[in-house]
C-alpha atoms as a PDB file:
ATOM      1  CA  GLU A   1     -20.152  -5.875  -4.909  1.00  0.00           C
ATOM      2  CA  ARG A   2     -23.899  -6.254  -4.113  1.00  0.00           C
ATOM      3  CA  ALA A   3     -22.662  -8.980  -1.315  1.00  0.00           C
ATOM      4  CA  PRO A   4     -24.845  -9.109   2.030  1.00  0.00           C
ATOM      5  CA  LEU A   5     -24.950  -5.701   3.989  1.00  0.00           C
ATOM      6  CA  TRP A   6     -24.924  -3.336   0.726  1.00  0.00           C
ATOM      7  CA  ARG A   7     -26.499  -0.359   1.226  1.00  0.00           C
ATOM      8  CA  ASP A   8     -27.704   1.224  -2.076  1.00  0.00           C
ATOM      9  CA  ASP A   9     -28.948   4.472  -0.439  1.00  0.00           C
ATOM     10  CA  LEU A  10     -25.777   5.197   0.663  1.00  0.00           C
ATOM     11  CA  ARG A  11     -22.563   7.648  -1.454  1.00  0.00           C
ATOM     12  CA  GLY A  12     -19.146   8.579  -1.688  1.00  0.00           C
ATOM     13  CA  ALA A  13     -17.064  12.011  -1.627  1.00  0.00           C
ATOM     14  CA  VAL A  14     -13.341  12.257  -2.193  1.00  0.00           C
ATOM     15  CA  VAL A  15     -11.950  14.889  -0.286  1.00  0.00           C
ATOM     16  CA  GLY A  16      -8.389  15.755   0.731  1.00  0.00           C
ATOM     17  CA  LEU A  17      -7.809  16.109  -2.909  1.00  0.00           C
ATOM     18  CA  SER A  18      -5.227  19.107  -4.096  1.00  0.00           C
ATOM     19  CA  SER A  19      -3.825  20.841  -7.186  1.00  0.00           C
ATOM     20  CA  SER A  20      -1.274  17.986  -7.244  1.00  0.00           C
ATOM     21  CA  THR A  21      -3.264  14.626  -6.241  1.00  0.00           C
ATOM     22  CA  THR A  22      -2.963  12.318  -9.338  1.00  0.00           C
ATOM     23  CA  PRO A  23      -5.192  10.347 -11.221  1.00  0.00           C
ATOM     24  CA  VAL A  24      -3.165   7.313 -10.034  1.00  0.00           C
ATOM     25  CA  GLU A  25      -3.969   8.001  -6.491  1.00  0.00           C
ATOM     26  CA  ILE A  26      -7.111   8.302  -7.018  1.00  0.00           C
ATOM     27  CA  ALA A  27      -7.329   5.510  -9.023  1.00  0.00           C
ATOM     28  CA  ARG A  28      -5.287   3.455  -5.972  1.00  0.00           C
ATOM     29  CA  ALA A  29      -7.899   5.519  -3.513  1.00  0.00           C
ATOM     30  CA  PHE A  30     -10.810   3.584  -4.985  1.00  0.00           C
ATOM     31  CA  LEU A  31      -9.105   0.176  -5.401  1.00  0.00           C
ATOM     32  CA  GLU A  32      -8.058   0.216  -1.109  1.00  0.00           C
ATOM     33  CA  ALA A  33     -11.447   1.307  -0.284  1.00  0.00           C
ATOM     34  CA  VAL A  34     -12.627  -1.702  -2.391  1.00  0.00           C
ATOM     35  CA  ALA A  35     -10.155  -4.329  -0.626  1.00  0.00           C
ATOM     36  CA  PHE A  36     -11.079  -2.684   2.852  1.00  0.00           C
ATOM     37  CA  ARG A  37     -15.186  -3.716   1.797  1.00  0.00           C
ATOM     38  CA  PHE A  38     -14.052  -6.812   0.898  1.00  0.00           C
ATOM     39  CA  ALA A  39     -11.853  -7.202   4.583  1.00  0.00           C
ATOM     40  CA  ARG A  40     -14.882  -6.379   5.860  1.00  0.00           C
ATOM     41  CA  LEU A  41     -17.189  -8.994   4.446  1.00  0.00           C
ATOM     42  CA  ARG A  42     -14.561 -11.243   4.953  1.00  0.00           C
ATOM     43  CA  GLU A  43     -15.106 -10.369   9.133  1.00  0.00           C
ATOM     44  CA  ALA A  44     -18.984 -11.115   8.026  1.00  0.00           C
ATOM     45  CA  LEU A  45     -18.718 -14.216   7.471  1.00  0.00           C
ATOM     46  CA  ARG A  46     -15.662 -15.814   8.769  1.00  0.00           C
ATOM     47  CA  PRO A  47     -17.783 -17.031  12.008  1.00  0.00           C
ATOM     48  CA  VAL A  48     -19.465 -19.644   9.064  1.00  0.00           C
ATOM     49  CA  ALA A  49     -16.312 -19.889   7.400  1.00  0.00           C
ATOM     50  CA  PRO A  50     -13.160 -19.433   9.615  1.00  0.00           C
ATOM     51  CA  ALA A  51     -10.801 -21.389   7.440  1.00  0.00           C
ATOM     52  CA  ALA A  52     -12.343 -20.675   4.230  1.00  0.00           C
ATOM     53  CA  ARG A  53      -9.613 -20.295   1.394  1.00  0.00           C
ATOM     54  CA  ILE A  54      -9.893 -16.662  -0.833  1.00  0.00           C
ATOM     55  CA  ILE A  55      -9.252 -17.215  -4.362  1.00  0.00           C
ATOM     56  CA  GLY A  56      -9.737 -14.447  -6.622  1.00  0.00           C
ATOM     57  CA  THR A  57     -10.730 -14.012  -9.682  1.00  0.00           C
ATOM     58  CA  GLY A  58     -11.228 -12.105 -13.069  1.00  0.00           C
ATOM     59  CA  ALA A  59      -9.199  -9.852 -15.579  1.00  0.00           C
ATOM     60  CA  GLY A  60      -9.018  -7.624 -13.760  1.00  0.00           C
ATOM     61  CA  LEU A  61      -7.246  -9.215 -10.721  1.00  0.00           C
ATOM     62  CA  LEU A  62      -5.110 -11.420 -12.785  1.00  0.00           C
ATOM     63  CA  ALA A  63      -3.640  -8.731 -14.360  1.00  0.00           C
ATOM     64  CA  SER A  64      -2.715  -6.077 -11.256  1.00  0.00           C
ATOM     65  CA  PRO A  65      -0.730  -8.124  -8.670  1.00  0.00           C
ATOM     66  CA  VAL A  66      -1.427  -5.178  -7.287  1.00  0.00           C
ATOM     67  CA  TRP A  67      -4.549  -5.113  -7.254  1.00  0.00           C
ATOM     68  CA  ALA A  68      -4.557  -7.961  -5.583  1.00  0.00           C
ATOM     69  CA  GLN A  69      -1.510  -7.616  -2.864  1.00  0.00           C
ATOM     70  CA  MET A  70      -4.306  -4.586  -1.452  1.00  0.00           C
ATOM     71  CA  ILE A  71      -6.851  -7.155  -1.598  1.00  0.00           C
ATOM     72  CA  ALA A  72      -4.842  -9.594   0.625  1.00  0.00           C
ATOM     73  CA  ASP A  73      -3.812  -6.460   2.804  1.00  0.00           C
ATOM     74  CA  ALA A  74      -6.970  -5.694   3.793  1.00  0.00           C
ATOM     75  CA  LEU A  75      -7.965  -8.904   4.454  1.00  0.00           C
ATOM     76  CA  GLY A  76      -4.695  -9.643   6.182  1.00  0.00           C
ATOM     77  CA  GLU A  77      -4.592 -13.713   4.692  1.00  0.00           C
ATOM     78  CA  THR A  78      -2.964 -15.125   1.094  1.00  0.00           C
ATOM     79  CA  ILE A  79      -5.269 -14.695  -1.901  1.00  0.00           C
ATOM     80  CA  TYR A  80      -5.084 -17.459  -4.170  1.00  0.00           C
ATOM     81  CA  LEU A  81      -5.545 -16.023  -8.074  1.00  0.00           C
ATOM     82  CA  SER A  82      -7.647 -18.762 -10.832  1.00  0.00           C
ATOM     83  CA  ASP A  83      -6.567 -19.063 -13.788  1.00  0.00           C
ATOM     84  CA  GLU A  84      -9.793 -18.598 -15.217  1.00  0.00           C
ATOM     85  CA  GLY A  85     -10.643 -14.845 -16.482  1.00  0.00           C
ATOM     86  CA  GLN A  86     -13.713 -15.211 -14.902  1.00  0.00           C
ATOM     87  CA  ALA A  87     -15.503 -16.859 -12.832  1.00  0.00           C
END
């Protein structure tokens, strides 16, 4: 998302994998990580925009109610989805 606080020098790792870990579980872990990153950014912006309405855009988000719900859960607030494919 390249928002404030982004650090190009940081790296990540996927740990705890086993032979029974599925591709869907790995994909969900990546999506949850992004959702928690958005939550961190929301907390950083809360002092200047405490009542901001969160509007989600993008074809991927519009196509996946599960992804939208993951983000809403991480933020602890409602996400309003825009009909625009890209904004």
